[in-house]
PDB file of N, CA and C in Angstrom:
ATOM      1  N   MET A   1       0.868  -1.153   0.000  1.00  0.00           N
ATOM      2  CA  MET A   1       0.000   0.000   0.000  1.00  0.00           C
ATOM      3  C   MET A   1       0.914   1.214   0.000  1.00  0.00           C
ATOM      4  N   THR A   2       0.803   2.028  -1.010  1.00  0.00           N
ATOM      5  CA  THR A   2       1.612   3.239  -1.110  1.00  0.00           C
ATOM      6  C   THR A   2       0.710   4.409  -1.433  1.00  0.00           C
ATOM      7  N   GLY A   3       1.181   5.576  -1.128  1.00  0.00           N
ATOM      8  CA  GLY A   3       0.409   6.739  -1.505  1.00  0.00           C
ATOM      9  C   GLY A   3       0.860   7.994  -0.804  1.00  0.00           C
ATOM     10  N   ASP A   4       0.270   9.087  -1.220  1.00  0.00           N
ATOM     11  CA  ASP A   4       0.478  10.387  -0.604  1.00  0.00           C
ATOM     12  C   ASP A   4      -0.603  10.537   0.458  1.00  0.00           C
ATOM     13  N   PHE A   5      -0.253  10.268   1.700  1.00  0.00           N
ATOM     14  CA  PHE A   5      -1.236  10.236   2.777  1.00  0.00           C
ATOM     15  C   PHE A   5      -1.457  11.612   3.403  1.00  0.00           C
ATOM     16  N   ASN A   6      -0.604  12.589   3.061  1.00  0.00           N
ATOM     17  CA  ASN A   6      -0.733  13.957   3.577  1.00  0.00           C
ATOM     18  C   ASN A   6      -0.833  14.011   5.100  1.00  0.00           C
ATOM     19  N   ILE A   7      -0.115  13.129   5.772  1.00  0.00           N
ATOM     20  CA  ILE A   7      -0.044  13.146   7.228  1.00  0.00           C
ATOM     21  C   ILE A   7       1.420  13.310   7.610  1.00  0.00           C
ATOM     22  N   ARG A   8       1.732  14.425   8.243  1.00  0.00           N
ATOM     23  CA  ARG A   8       3.099  14.606   8.749  1.00  0.00           C
ATOM     24  C   ARG A   8       3.138  14.060  10.157  1.00  0.00           C
ATOM     25  N   ASP A   9       4.204  13.339  10.479  1.00  0.00           N
ATOM     26  CA  ASP A   9       4.347  12.757  11.808  1.00  0.00           C
ATOM     27  C   ASP A   9       5.812  12.466  12.078  1.00  0.00           C
ATOM     28  N   SER A  10       6.202  12.596  13.315  1.00  0.00           N
ATOM     29  CA  SER A  10       7.590  12.330  13.705  1.00  0.00           C
ATOM     30  C   SER A  10       7.957  10.865  13.564  1.00  0.00           C
ATOM     31  N   ILE A  11       6.976   9.979  13.445  1.00  0.00           N
ATOM     32  CA  ILE A  11       7.252   8.546  13.288  1.00  0.00           C
ATOM     33  C   ILE A  11       8.030   8.295  11.998  1.00  0.00           C
ATOM     34  N   TRP A  12       7.663   8.957  10.912  1.00  0.00           N
ATOM     35  CA  TRP A  12       8.334   8.714   9.624  1.00  0.00           C
ATOM     36  C   TRP A  12       9.068   9.932   9.083  1.00  0.00           C
ATOM     37  N   ASP A  13       8.931  11.071   9.727  1.00  0.00           N
ATOM     38  CA  ASP A  13       9.646  12.260   9.276  1.00  0.00           C
ATOM     39  C   ASP A  13      10.451  12.821  10.448  1.00  0.00           C
ATOM     40  N   PRO A  14      11.759  12.535  10.500  1.00  0.00           N
ATOM     41  CA  PRO A  14      12.568  12.976  11.640  1.00  0.00           C
ATOM     42  C   PRO A  14      12.667  14.492  11.780  1.00  0.00           C
ATOM     43  N   ASN A  15      12.319  15.233  10.725  1.00  0.00           N
ATOM     44  CA  ASN A  15      12.368  16.690  10.790  1.00  0.00           C
ATOM     45  C   ASN A  15      11.078  17.305  11.331  1.00  0.00           C
ATOM     46  N   TYR A  16      10.065  16.484  11.549  1.00  0.00           N
ATOM     47  CA  TYR A  16       8.783  16.956  12.074  1.00  0.00           C
ATOM     48  C   TYR A  16       8.687  16.502  13.523  1.00  0.00           C
ATOM     49  N   LEU A  17       8.433  17.405  14.421  1.00  0.00           N
ATOM     50  CA  LEU A  17       8.549  17.102  15.849  1.00  0.00           C
ATOM     51  C   LEU A  17       7.250  16.680  16.520  1.00  0.00           C
ATOM     52  N   PHE A  18       6.177  16.507  15.773  1.00  0.00           N
ATOM     53  CA  PHE A  18       4.890  16.261  16.396  1.00  0.00           C
ATOM     54  C   PHE A  18       4.316  14.900  16.007  1.00  0.00           C
ATOM     55  N   TYR A  19       3.429  14.416  16.855  1.00  0.00           N
ATOM     56  CA  TYR A  19       2.722  13.156  16.639  1.00  0.00           C
ATOM     57  C   TYR A  19       1.246  13.484  16.445  1.00  0.00           C
ATOM     58  N   LEU A  20       0.596  12.801  15.512  1.00  0.00           N
ATOM     59  CA  LEU A  20      -0.819  13.037  15.251  1.00  0.00           C
ATOM     60  C   LEU A  20      -1.629  11.764  15.469  1.00  0.00           C
ATOM     61  N   TYR A  21      -2.841  11.928  15.970  1.00  0.00           N
ATOM     62  CA  TYR A  21      -3.739  10.804  16.189  1.00  0.00           C
ATOM     63  C   TYR A  21      -4.083  10.086  14.878  1.00  0.00           C
ATOM     64  N   ASN A  22      -4.131  10.812  13.776  1.00  0.00           N
ATOM     65  CA  ASN A  22      -4.431  10.197  12.475  1.00  0.00           C
ATOM     66  C   ASN A  22      -3.439   9.100  12.122  1.00  0.00           C
ATOM     67  N   SER A  23      -2.235   9.208  12.626  1.00  0.00           N
ATOM     68  CA  SER A  23      -1.220   8.181  12.369  1.00  0.00           C
ATOM     69  C   SER A  23      -1.656   6.843  12.948  1.00  0.00           C
ATOM     70  N   ASP A  24      -2.260   6.870  14.135  1.00  0.00           N
ATOM     71  CA  ASP A  24      -2.763   5.632  14.742  1.00  0.00           C
ATOM     72  C   ASP A  24      -3.822   4.990  13.856  1.00  0.00           C
ATOM     73  N   LEU A  25      -4.709   5.795  13.316  1.00  0.00           N
ATOM     74  CA  LEU A  25      -5.761   5.263  12.434  1.00  0.00           C
ATOM     75  C   LEU A  25      -5.156   4.637  11.180  1.00  0.00           C
ATOM     76  N   LEU A  26      -4.155   5.289  10.617  1.00  0.00           N
ATOM     77  CA  LEU A  26      -3.491   4.756   9.435  1.00  0.00           C
ATOM     78  C   LEU A  26      -2.799   3.432   9.754  1.00  0.00           C
ATOM     79  N   PHE A  27      -2.120   3.364  10.908  1.00  0.00           N
ATOM     80  CA  PHE A  27      -1.470   2.118  11.311  1.00  0.00           C
ATOM     81  C   PHE A  27      -2.485   1.009  11.568  1.00  0.00           C
ATOM     82  N   ASP A  28      -3.645   1.342  12.134  1.00  0.00           N
ATOM     83  CA  ASP A  28      -4.689   0.335  12.364  1.00  0.00           C
ATOM     84  C   ASP A  28      -5.203  -0.241  11.052  1.00  0.00           C
ATOM     85  N   ILE A  29      -5.405   0.620  10.069  1.00  0.00           N
ATOM     86  CA  ILE A  29      -5.877   0.145   8.756  1.00  0.00           C
ATOM     87  C   ILE A  29      -4.825  -0.750   8.117  1.00  0.00           C
ATOM     88  N   ALA A  30      -3.579  -0.305   8.123  1.00  0.00           N
ATOM     89  CA  ALA A  30      -2.500  -1.106   7.535  1.00  0.00           C
ATOM     90  C   ALA A  30      -2.370  -2.446   8.255  1.00  0.00           C
ATOM     91  N   ASP A  31      -2.451  -2.419   9.580  1.00  0.00           N
ATOM     92  CA  ASP A  31      -2.330  -3.646  10.366  1.00  0.00           C
ATOM     93  C   ASP A  31      -3.463  -4.626  10.058  1.00  0.00           C
ATOM     94  N   SER A  32      -4.635  -4.124   9.749  1.00  0.00           N
ATOM     95  CA  SER A  32      -5.764  -5.015   9.432  1.00  0.00           C
ATOM     96  C   SER A  32      -5.508  -5.792   8.140  1.00  0.00           C
ATOM     97  N   TYR A  33      -4.575  -5.324   7.313  1.00  0.00           N
ATOM     98  CA  TYR A  33      -4.174  -6.017   6.090  1.00  0.00           C
ATOM     99  C   TYR A  33      -2.795  -6.674   6.235  1.00  0.00           C
ATOM    100  N   SER A  34      -2.316  -6.777   7.479  1.00  0.00           N
ATOM    101  CA  SER A  34      -1.001  -7.364   7.792  1.00  0.00           C
ATOM    102  C   SER A  34       0.137  -6.612   7.113  1.00  0.00           C
ATOM    103  N   LEU A  35      -0.001  -5.288   7.040  1.00  0.00           N
ATOM    104  CA  LEU A  35       1.021  -4.445   6.438  1.00  0.00           C
ATOM    105  C   LEU A  35       1.702  -3.612   7.514  1.00  0.00           C
ATOM    106  N   SER A  36       2.974  -3.346   7.307  1.00  0.00           N
ATOM    107  CA  SER A  36       3.753  -2.513   8.222  1.00  0.00           C
ATOM    108  C   SER A  36       4.421  -1.404   7.431  1.00  0.00           C
ATOM    109  N   ILE A  37       4.598  -0.276   8.094  1.00  0.00           N
ATOM    110  CA  ILE A  37       5.277   0.827   7.418  1.00  0.00           C
ATOM    111  C   ILE A  37       6.724   0.441   7.186  1.00  0.00           C
ATOM    112  N   PHE A  38       7.202   0.797   6.023  1.00  0.00           N
ATOM    113  CA  PHE A  38       8.593   0.528   5.678  1.00  0.00           C
ATOM    114  C   PHE A  38       9.316   1.851   5.709  1.00  0.00           C
ATOM    115  N   ASN A  39      10.026   2.109   6.786  1.00  0.00           N
ATOM    116  CA  ASN A  39      10.792   3.349   6.894  1.00  0.00           C
ATOM    117  C   ASN A  39      12.007   3.270   6.003  1.00  0.00           C
ATOM    118  N   SER A  40      12.190   4.281   5.217  1.00  0.00           N
ATOM    119  CA  SER A  40      13.341   4.319   4.324  1.00  0.00           C
ATOM    120  C   SER A  40      14.607   4.541   5.134  1.00  0.00           C
ATOM    121  N   ILE A  41      15.615   3.722   4.878  1.00  0.00           N
ATOM    122  CA  ILE A  41      16.891   3.908   5.558  1.00  0.00           C
ATOM    123  C   ILE A  41      17.629   5.116   5.007  1.00  0.00           C
ATOM    124  N   GLU A  42      17.131   5.644   3.893  1.00  0.00           N
ATOM    125  CA  GLU A  42      17.795   6.778   3.264  1.00  0.00           C
ATOM    126  C   GLU A  42      17.352   8.116   3.849  1.00  0.00           C
ATOM    127  N   ASN A  43      16.224   8.147   4.572  1.00  0.00           N
ATOM    128  CA  ASN A  43      15.640   9.388   5.083  1.00  0.00           C
ATOM    129  C   ASN A  43      15.468  10.422   3.975  1.00  0.00           C
ATOM    130  N   VAL A  44      14.956   9.983   2.862  1.00  0.00           N
ATOM    131  CA  VAL A  44      14.745  10.848   1.704  1.00  0.00           C
ATOM    132  C   VAL A  44      13.355  11.474   1.803  1.00  0.00           C
ATOM    133  N   PRO A  45      13.272  12.801   1.665  1.00  0.00           N
ATOM    134  CA  PRO A  45      11.930  13.391   1.635  1.00  0.00           C
ATOM    135  C   PRO A  45      11.169  12.918   0.403  1.00  0.00           C
ATOM    136  N   THR A  46       9.871  12.850   0.531  1.00  0.00           N
ATOM    137  CA  THR A  46       9.042  12.434  -0.601  1.00  0.00           C
ATOM    138  C   THR A  46       8.178  13.582  -1.126  1.00  0.00           C
ATOM    139  N   ARG A  47       8.082  14.655  -0.379  1.00  0.00           N
ATOM    140  CA  ARG A  47       7.338  15.841  -0.803  1.00  0.00           C
ATOM    141  C   ARG A  47       8.296  17.013  -0.792  1.00  0.00           C
ATOM    142  N   PHE A  48       8.412  17.699  -1.916  1.00  0.00           N
ATOM    143  CA  PHE A  48       9.350  18.801  -2.054  1.00  0.00           C
ATOM    144  C   PHE A  48       8.579  20.107  -2.176  1.00  0.00           C
ATOM    145  N   SER A  49       8.904  21.042  -1.320  1.00  0.00           N
ATOM    146  CA  SER A  49       8.219  22.330  -1.305  1.00  0.00           C
ATOM    147  C   SER A  49       8.864  23.272  -2.313  1.00  0.00           C
ATOM    148  N   ASP A  50       8.023  24.045  -3.008  1.00  0.00           N
ATOM    149  CA  ASP A  50       8.554  25.050  -3.924  1.00  0.00           C
ATOM    150  C   ASP A  50       8.745  26.393  -3.220  1.00  0.00           C
ATOM    151  N   ASN A  51       8.401  26.419  -1.936  1.00  0.00           N
ATOM    152  CA  ASN A  51       8.560  27.609  -1.115  1.00  0.00           C
ATOM    153  C   ASN A  51       9.785  27.412  -0.222  1.00  0.00           C
ATOM    154  N   ASP A  52      10.751  28.307  -0.316  1.00  0.00           N
ATOM    155  CA  ASP A  52      11.983  28.173   0.459  1.00  0.00           C
ATOM    156  C   ASP A  52      11.750  28.252   1.961  1.00  0.00           C
ATOM    157  N   ASN A  53      10.604  28.788   2.391  1.00  0.00           N
ATOM    158  CA  ASN A  53      10.297  28.888   3.817  1.00  0.00           C
ATOM    159  C   ASN A  53       9.739  27.589   4.386  1.00  0.00           C
ATOM    160  N   ASN A  54       9.346  26.670   3.535  1.00  0.00           N
ATOM    161  CA  ASN A  54       8.793  25.389   3.981  1.00  0.00           C
ATOM    162  C   ASN A  54       9.808  24.282   3.749  1.00  0.00           C
ATOM    163  N   ALA A  55       9.937  23.422   4.725  1.00  0.00           N
ATOM    164  CA  ALA A  55      10.887  22.310   4.607  1.00  0.00           C
ATOM    165  C   ALA A  55      10.295  21.201   3.747  1.00  0.00           C
ATOM    166  N   HIS A  56      11.160  20.439   3.112  1.00  0.00           N
ATOM    167  CA  HIS A  56      10.719  19.228   2.429  1.00  0.00           C
ATOM    168  C   HIS A  56      10.229  18.263   3.498  1.00  0.00           C
ATOM    169  N   SER A  57       9.360  17.335   3.132  1.00  0.00           N
ATOM    170  CA  SER A  57       8.754  16.470   4.135  1.00  0.00           C
ATOM    171  C   SER A  57       8.549  15.062   3.595  1.00  0.00           C
ATOM    172  N   VAL A  58       8.078  14.209   4.473  1.00  0.00           N
ATOM    173  CA  VAL A  58       7.748  12.830   4.113  1.00  0.00           C
ATOM    174  C   VAL A  58       6.237  12.678   4.242  1.00  0.00           C
ATOM    175  N   LEU A  59       5.547  12.658   3.101  1.00  0.00           N
ATOM    176  CA  LEU A  59       4.094  12.472   3.072  1.00  0.00           C
ATOM    177  C   LEU A  59       3.699  11.205   2.327  1.00  0.00           C
ATOM    178  N   ASP A  60       4.577  10.749   1.460  1.00  0.00           N
ATOM    179  CA  ASP A  60       4.307   9.536   0.678  1.00  0.00           C
ATOM    180  C   ASP A  60       4.918   8.369   1.435  1.00  0.00           C
ATOM    181  N   LEU A  61       4.088   7.401   1.740  1.00  0.00           N
ATOM    182  CA  LEU A  61       4.511   6.287   2.582  1.00  0.00           C
ATOM    183  C   LEU A  61       4.367   4.969   1.850  1.00  0.00           C
ATOM    184  N   VAL A  62       5.114   3.984   2.317  1.00  0.00           N
ATOM    185  CA  VAL A  62       5.056   2.629   1.763  1.00  0.00           C
ATOM    186  C   VAL A  62       4.773   1.675   2.922  1.00  0.00           C
ATOM    187  N   PHE A  63       3.692   0.909   2.795  1.00  0.00           N
ATOM    188  CA  PHE A  63       3.367  -0.145   3.754  1.00  0.00           C
ATOM    189  C   PHE A  63       3.516  -1.471   3.023  1.00  0.00           C
ATOM    190  N   LEU A  64       4.274  -2.383   3.623  1.00  0.00           N
ATOM    191  CA  LEU A  64       4.574  -3.654   2.976  1.00  0.00           C
ATOM    192  C   LEU A  64       4.260  -4.815   3.905  1.00  0.00           C
ATOM    193  N   CYS A  65       4.113  -5.966   3.311  1.00  0.00           N
ATOM    194  CA  CYS A  65       3.939  -7.200   4.071  1.00  0.00           C
ATOM    195  C   CYS A  65       5.334  -7.749   4.354  1.00  0.00           C
ATOM    196  N   LEU A  66       5.846  -7.488   5.535  1.00  0.00           N
ATOM    197  CA  LEU A  66       7.237  -7.785   5.844  1.00  0.00           C
ATOM    198  C   LEU A  66       7.542  -9.273   5.883  1.00  0.00           C
ATOM    199  N   SER A  67       6.506 -10.111   5.961  1.00  0.00           N
ATOM    200  CA  SER A  67       6.747 -11.557   5.977  1.00  0.00           C
ATOM    201  C   SER A  67       7.032 -12.107   4.582  1.00  0.00           C
ATOM    202  N   PHE A  68       6.899 -11.274   3.537  1.00  0.00           N
ATOM    203  CA  PHE A  68       7.191 -11.672   2.167  1.00  0.00           C
ATOM    204  C   PHE A  68       8.284 -10.764   1.604  1.00  0.00           C
ATOM    205  N   PRO A  69       9.554 -11.112   1.821  1.00  0.00           N
ATOM    206  CA  PRO A  69      10.641 -10.213   1.397  1.00  0.00           C
ATOM    207  C   PRO A  69      10.682  -9.959  -0.104  1.00  0.00           C
ATOM    208  N   GLU A  70      10.121 -10.846  -0.909  1.00  0.00           N
ATOM    209  CA  GLU A  70      10.138 -10.619  -2.360  1.00  0.00           C
ATOM    210  C   GLU A  70       9.276  -9.428  -2.778  1.00  0.00           C
ATOM    211  N   PHE A  71       8.399  -8.958  -1.883  1.00  0.00           N
ATOM    212  CA  PHE A  71       7.564  -7.791  -2.176  1.00  0.00           C
ATOM    213  C   PHE A  71       8.114  -6.518  -1.544  1.00  0.00           C
ATOM    214  N   ASN A  72       9.249  -6.593  -0.908  1.00  0.00           N
ATOM    215  CA  ASN A  72       9.697  -5.492  -0.064  1.00  0.00           C
ATOM    216  C   ASN A  72      10.889  -4.730  -0.618  1.00  0.00           C
ATOM    217  N   CYS A  73      10.946  -4.576  -1.911  1.00  0.00           N
ATOM    218  CA  CYS A  73      12.053  -3.842  -2.524  1.00  0.00           C
ATOM    219  C   CYS A  73      11.491  -2.562  -3.144  1.00  0.00           C
ATOM    220  N   HIS A  74      11.626  -1.463  -2.417  1.00  0.00           N
ATOM    221  CA  HIS A  74      11.138  -0.192  -2.948  1.00  0.00           C
ATOM    222  C   HIS A  74      12.289   0.800  -3.039  1.00  0.00           C
ATOM    223  N   VAL A  75      12.111   1.768  -3.926  1.00  0.00           N
ATOM    224  CA  VAL A  75      13.114   2.807  -4.128  1.00  0.00           C
ATOM    225  C   VAL A  75      12.390   4.140  -4.248  1.00  0.00           C
ATOM    226  N   ILE A  76      12.915   5.140  -3.550  1.00  0.00           N
ATOM    227  CA  ILE A  76      12.411   6.503  -3.688  1.00  0.00           C
ATOM    228  C   ILE A  76      13.287   7.203  -4.718  1.00  0.00           C
ATOM    229  N   HIS A  77      12.643   7.829  -5.711  1.00  0.00           N
ATOM    230  CA  HIS A  77      13.371   8.463  -6.820  1.00  0.00           C
ATOM    231  C   HIS A  77      13.154   9.979  -6.802  1.00  0.00           C
ATOM    232  N   PRO A  78      13.872  10.719  -5.967  1.00  0.00           N
ATOM    233  CA  PRO A  78      13.676  12.180  -5.958  1.00  0.00           C
ATOM    234  C   PRO A  78      14.070  12.836  -7.274  1.00  0.00           C
ATOM    235  N   ASP A  79      14.968  12.225  -8.037  1.00  0.00           N
ATOM    236  CA  ASP A  79      15.396  12.805  -9.316  1.00  0.00           C
ATOM    237  C   ASP A  79      14.360  12.643 -10.415  1.00  0.00           C
ATOM    238  N   TRP A  80      13.371  11.777 -10.209  1.00  0.00           N
ATOM    239  CA  TRP A  80      12.361  11.532 -11.233  1.00  0.00           C
ATOM    240  C   TRP A  80      11.137  12.423 -11.070  1.00  0.00           C
ATOM    241  N   ARG A  81      11.156  13.352 -10.181  1.00  0.00           N
ATOM    242  CA  ARG A  81       9.934  14.109  -9.891  1.00  0.00           C
ATOM    243  C   ARG A  81       9.641  15.185 -10.927  1.00  0.00           C
ATOM    244  N   PHE A  82      10.629  15.587 -11.704  1.00  0.00           N
ATOM    245  CA  PHE A  82      10.457  16.583 -12.764  1.00  0.00           C
ATOM    246  C   PHE A  82       9.720  17.807 -12.217  1.00  0.00           C
ATOM    247  N   SER A  83       8.527  18.102 -12.693  1.00  0.00           N
ATOM    248  CA  SER A  83       7.783  19.269 -12.211  1.00  0.00           C
ATOM    249  C   SER A  83       6.813  18.906 -11.085  1.00  0.00           C
ATOM    250  N   LEU A  84       6.827  17.669 -10.635  1.00  0.00           N
ATOM    251  CA  LEU A  84       5.929  17.246  -9.562  1.00  0.00           C
ATOM    252  C   LEU A  84       6.469  17.680  -8.203  1.00  0.00           C
ATOM    253  N   ASP A  85       5.578  17.778  -7.234  1.00  0.00           N
ATOM    254  CA  ASP A  85       5.984  18.079  -5.864  1.00  0.00           C
ATOM    255  C   ASP A  85       6.447  16.831  -5.134  1.00  0.00           C
ATOM    256  N   ASP A  86       6.007  15.668  -5.603  1.00  0.00           N
ATOM    257  CA  ASP A  86       6.270  14.419  -4.906  1.00  0.00           C
ATOM    258  C   ASP A  86       7.293  13.575  -5.671  1.00  0.00           C
ATOM    259  N   ALA A  87       8.158  12.919  -4.914  1.00  0.00           N
ATOM    260  CA  ALA A  87       9.105  11.980  -5.511  1.00  0.00           C
ATOM    261  C   ALA A  87       8.348  10.721  -5.921  1.00  0.00           C
ATOM    262  N   LEU A  88       8.780  10.106  -6.979  1.00  0.00           N
ATOM    263  CA  LEU A  88       8.175   8.846  -7.390  1.00  0.00           C
ATOM    264  C   LEU A  88       8.761   7.708  -6.558  1.00  0.00           C
ATOM    265  N   ILE A  89       7.905   6.757  -6.238  1.00  0.00           N
ATOM    266  CA  ILE A  89       8.320   5.568  -5.478  1.00  0.00           C
ATOM    267  C   ILE A  89       7.982   4.356  -6.314  1.00  0.00           C
ATOM    268  N   THR A  90       8.967   3.507  -6.493  1.00  0.00           N
ATOM    269  CA  THR A  90       8.708   2.258  -7.223  1.00  0.00           C
ATOM    270  C   THR A  90       8.883   1.086  -6.273  1.00  0.00           C
ATOM    271  N   VAL A  91       8.118   0.047  -6.536  1.00  0.00           N
ATOM    272  CA  VAL A  91       8.227  -1.201  -5.783  1.00  0.00           C
ATOM    273  C   VAL A  91       8.443  -2.305  -6.789  1.00  0.00           C
ATOM    274  N   ASP A  92       9.550  -3.024  -6.653  1.00  0.00           N
ATOM    275  CA  ASP A  92       9.842  -4.164  -7.523  1.00  0.00           C
ATOM    276  C   ASP A  92       9.269  -5.417  -6.909  1.00  0.00           C
ATOM    277  N   ILE A  93       8.536  -6.160  -7.701  1.00  0.00           N
ATOM    278  CA  ILE A  93       7.971  -7.435  -7.240  1.00  0.00           C
ATOM    279  C   ILE A  93       8.603  -8.541  -8.083  1.00  0.00           C
ATOM    280  N   LEU A  94       9.369  -9.376  -7.435  1.00  0.00           N
ATOM    281  CA  LEU A  94      10.030 -10.482  -8.138  1.00  0.00           C
ATOM    282  C   LEU A  94       9.009 -11.576  -8.425  1.00  0.00           C
ATOM    283  N   ILE A  95       8.999 -12.047  -9.656  1.00  0.00           N
ATOM    284  CA  ILE A  95       8.055 -13.108 -10.048  1.00  0.00           C
ATOM    285  C   ILE A  95       8.868 -14.316 -10.445  1.00  0.00           C
TER     286      ILE A  95
END
């Protein structure tokens, strides 16, 4: 499950200092499908602000089924965003 969830939270964005209740709801939904958030080891922002006064952030998240490693290969591509505000995220599924 991937997407632009538009929820900032210190759980997945180390530059954001606050916790939101909506994060619990998102985790409950993901857990009901046996999915867990996959924190990027790269700490790459996924949302890029065009305003210099606003920091880049992590709004696009990836939830994966960690018990199936063949589904757990994702890459954040900040260089592929072109004119978009959001970085593209790809998930490779080995068949």
